[in-house]
Amino acid sequence: MKKKLFVLLTMIMVLSLMSIPALAGPPDNTASGDWCYELVDGTDVKMADGNMFILDFNDIGHWNGTFIGDSIDDGWIVIRARGYWFFKTTVSFDEVTVLGKTGGLEMRVNGWLPAGAEFSEYEGLWVITRATGDLRGLVGRGTWDGGPTECAGYGVPYKGTVHFKNE
């Protein structure tokens, strides 16, 4: 009798666990395109121990692909004495279209270039830090590199994933 009761309770537990739905996040959408940019300013240059610091670096970005719109990009660049480059910038869109929705968006973008490397070896990361309007709830991250683009001047291709966390 105890064995039958144990088997019955075990079956009830197994069947009750099978009815619990899988709780997964929303599906990711592939993000890709080109980030084209025009250099505006970066004249606040400081030197220390052979390192160059370009402070208050600004450019205007023109985005196509998943992100469609123009951005203002504010950040800084460090060029180490040994030739290694690192930069960090905030990319701000007053209005951008992503996945058919429009709103404001802010990204954090970092990048690096090893000493002696060609521009094609320039690479970095991007992450969405804030989204407003119809883009509220948009999250995403990805990479960019110095590969070929459709840009007329300076630019880099980007790729990654995005999704709305509230869908």
Protein backbone atom coordinates (compact mmCIF):
# COMPACT_ATOMS: atom_id res chain seq x y z
CA MET A 1 0.00 0.00 0.00
CA LYS A 2 2.82 2.43 0.87
CA LYS A 3 4.49 1.72 -2.46
CA LYS A 4 1.27 2.48 -4.38
CA LEU A 5 0.78 5.72 -2.42
CA PHE A 6 4.39 6.77 -3.11
CA VAL A 7 3.98 6.05 -6.86
CA LEU A 8 0.68 7.95 -6.93
CA LEU A 9 2.17 11.00 -5.18
CA THR A 10 5.21 10.91 -7.47
CA MET A 11 2.96 10.83 -10.55
CA ILE A 12 0.91 13.78 -9.23
CA MET A 13 4.07 15.82 -8.67
CA VAL A 14 5.46 14.99 -12.13
CA LEU A 15 2.18 15.82 -13.86
CA SER A 16 1.78 19.08 -11.92
CA LEU A 17 5.31 20.17 -12.93
CA MET A 18 4.58 19.43 -16.58
CA SER A 19 1.75 21.96 -16.57
CA ILE A 20 4.02 24.88 -15.59
CA PRO A 21 4.58 27.08 -18.66
CA ALA A 22 8.11 27.90 -19.74
CA LEU A 23 8.96 31.47 -18.77
CA ALA A 24 11.25 32.78 -21.46
CA GLY A 25 11.96 36.36 -22.43
CA PRO A 26 10.75 37.87 -25.68
CA PRO A 27 12.53 36.73 -28.83
CA ASP A 28 15.54 38.71 -29.96
CA ASN A 29 15.50 40.52 -33.30
CA THR A 30 18.73 40.72 -35.25
CA ALA A 31 20.08 44.26 -35.45
CA SER A 32 22.44 45.34 -38.22
CA GLY A 33 23.33 48.30 -40.40
CA ASP A 34 25.84 51.11 -40.72
CA TRP A 35 26.74 53.90 -38.31
CA CYS A 36 28.05 56.71 -40.52
CA TYR A 37 29.43 59.78 -38.82
CA GLU A 38 30.79 63.26 -39.39
CA LEU A 39 33.45 64.54 -37.02
CA VAL A 40 32.42 67.82 -35.42
CA ASP A 41 34.83 68.61 -32.61
CA GLY A 42 37.58 67.11 -30.54
CA THR A 43 39.96 69.96 -29.98
CA ASP A 44 40.28 69.75 -26.18
CA VAL A 45 43.53 67.75 -26.23
CA LYS A 46 45.61 66.99 -23.14
CA MET A 47 48.94 65.17 -22.94
CA ALA A 48 50.20 63.18 -19.97
CA ASP A 49 53.10 60.69 -19.85
CA GLY A 50 53.10 60.40 -23.64
CA ASN A 51 49.35 59.61 -23.73
CA MET A 52 46.96 61.83 -25.68
CA PHE A 53 43.48 62.51 -24.27
CA ILE A 54 40.92 63.99 -26.67
CA LEU A 55 38.20 65.22 -24.36
CA ASP A 56 34.72 66.37 -25.31
CA PHE A 57 34.87 64.53 -28.65
CA ASN A 58 31.71 65.12 -30.74
CA ASP A 59 30.30 63.82 -33.99
CA ILE A 60 26.97 63.54 -35.76
CA GLY A 61 25.86 60.00 -36.60
CA HIS A 62 23.65 58.90 -39.48
CA TRP A 63 22.27 55.40 -38.88
CA ASN A 64 20.68 52.98 -41.33
CA GLY A 65 19.48 49.40 -41.00
CA THR A 66 17.78 48.48 -37.73
CA PHE A 67 18.32 51.98 -36.29
CA ILE A 68 17.10 54.66 -38.69
CA GLY A 69 17.88 58.23 -37.68
CA ASP A 70 20.51 60.80 -36.77
CA SER A 71 22.42 60.94 -33.49
CA ILE A 72 24.60 63.31 -31.52
CA ASP A 73 27.62 61.46 -30.16
CA ASP A 74 29.58 62.83 -27.18
CA GLY A 75 32.60 61.12 -25.68
CA TRP A 76 36.37 60.97 -25.33
CA ILE A 77 39.36 59.22 -26.89
CA VAL A 78 42.62 58.07 -25.30
CA ILE A 79 45.62 57.32 -27.49
CA ARG A 80 48.23 55.55 -25.39
CA ALA A 81 51.93 56.28 -25.86
CA ARG A 82 52.36 52.77 -27.31
CA GLY A 83 49.69 53.42 -29.95
CA TYR A 84 46.65 51.66 -28.44
CA TRP A 85 43.38 53.64 -28.92
CA PHE A 86 40.31 53.51 -26.65
CA PHE A 87 37.16 55.58 -26.87
CA LYS A 88 33.87 55.87 -25.02
CA THR A 89 30.84 57.81 -26.19
CA THR A 90 27.17 58.34 -25.54
CA VAL A 91 25.04 58.17 -28.68
CA SER A 92 21.77 60.12 -28.32
CA PHE A 93 18.84 60.09 -30.73
CA ASP A 94 16.06 62.64 -30.28
CA GLU A 95 14.06 60.52 -32.71
CA VAL A 96 14.96 57.16 -34.22
CA THR A 97 12.94 54.35 -35.76
CA VAL A 98 13.57 50.78 -34.57
CA LEU A 99 11.43 47.78 -35.55
CA GLY A 100 8.78 50.11 -36.97
CA LYS A 101 8.44 52.19 -33.76
CA THR A 102 9.74 55.72 -33.15
CA GLY A 103 11.05 57.42 -30.05
CA GLY A 104 14.14 58.68 -28.26
CA LEU A 105 17.10 56.43 -27.63
CA GLU A 106 20.46 56.50 -25.90
CA MET A 107 23.34 54.05 -26.30
CA ARG A 108 26.71 53.63 -24.66
CA VAL A 109 29.41 52.79 -27.20
CA ASN A 110 33.00 51.75 -26.47
CA GLY A 111 35.75 50.99 -28.93
CA TRP A 112 39.42 50.09 -29.20
CA LEU A 113 42.17 49.81 -31.77
CA PRO A 114 45.33 47.82 -31.00
CA ALA A 115 48.68 49.54 -31.47
CA GLY A 116 49.82 49.41 -35.08
CA ALA A 117 46.50 48.03 -36.31
CA GLU A 118 44.65 49.12 -39.44
CA PHE A 119 41.25 50.84 -39.19
CA SER A 120 39.60 47.59 -40.32
CA GLU A 121 40.70 46.11 -36.96
CA TYR A 122 38.88 48.84 -34.99
CA GLU A 123 36.06 47.27 -32.97
CA GLY A 124 33.75 47.86 -30.07
CA LEU A 125 30.52 47.25 -28.21
CA TRP A 126 27.20 49.07 -27.99
CA VAL A 127 24.33 48.76 -25.49
CA ILE A 128 21.00 50.58 -25.28
CA THR A 129 20.83 52.46 -21.98
CA ARG A 130 17.54 54.38 -22.34
CA ALA A 131 14.53 54.39 -24.64
CA THR A 132 11.52 56.74 -24.64
CA GLY A 133 8.26 57.22 -26.51
CA ASP A 134 7.13 54.20 -28.52
CA LEU A 135 10.59 52.69 -27.94
CA ARG A 136 10.07 52.47 -24.18
CA GLY A 137 11.12 48.98 -23.09
CA LEU A 138 13.56 48.49 -25.98
CA VAL A 139 16.73 46.73 -24.91
CA GLY A 140 19.65 45.63 -27.02
CA ARG A 141 23.36 45.19 -27.38
CA GLY A 142 25.90 44.26 -29.95
CA THR A 143 29.21 44.90 -31.62
CA TRP A 144 30.66 47.05 -34.37
CA ASP A 145 33.90 46.89 -36.29
CA GLY A 146 35.94 48.71 -38.91
CA GLY A 147 34.58 46.62 -41.77
CA PRO A 148 33.23 47.97 -45.07
CA THR A 149 30.11 50.15 -45.03
CA GLU A 150 27.81 52.03 -47.37
CA CYS A 151 28.92 55.30 -45.72
CA ALA A 152 30.18 58.15 -47.89
CA GLY A 153 32.80 59.14 -45.30
CA TYR A 154 33.61 57.67 -41.92
CA GLY A 155 31.54 54.76 -40.68
CA VAL A 156 31.38 51.33 -39.13
CA PRO A 157 28.96 48.41 -39.51
CA TYR A 158 27.06 47.32 -36.41
CA LYS A 159 25.28 44.10 -35.48
CA GLY A 160 23.56 42.66 -32.42
CA THR A 161 20.13 41.96 -31.04
CA VAL A 162 17.19 44.07 -29.83
CA HIS A 163 13.78 43.37 -28.35
CA PHE A 164 11.06 45.01 -26.30
CA LYS A 165 11.14 43.66 -22.75
CA ASN A 166 7.45 44.43 -22.19
CA GLU A 167 6.19 42.30 -25.10
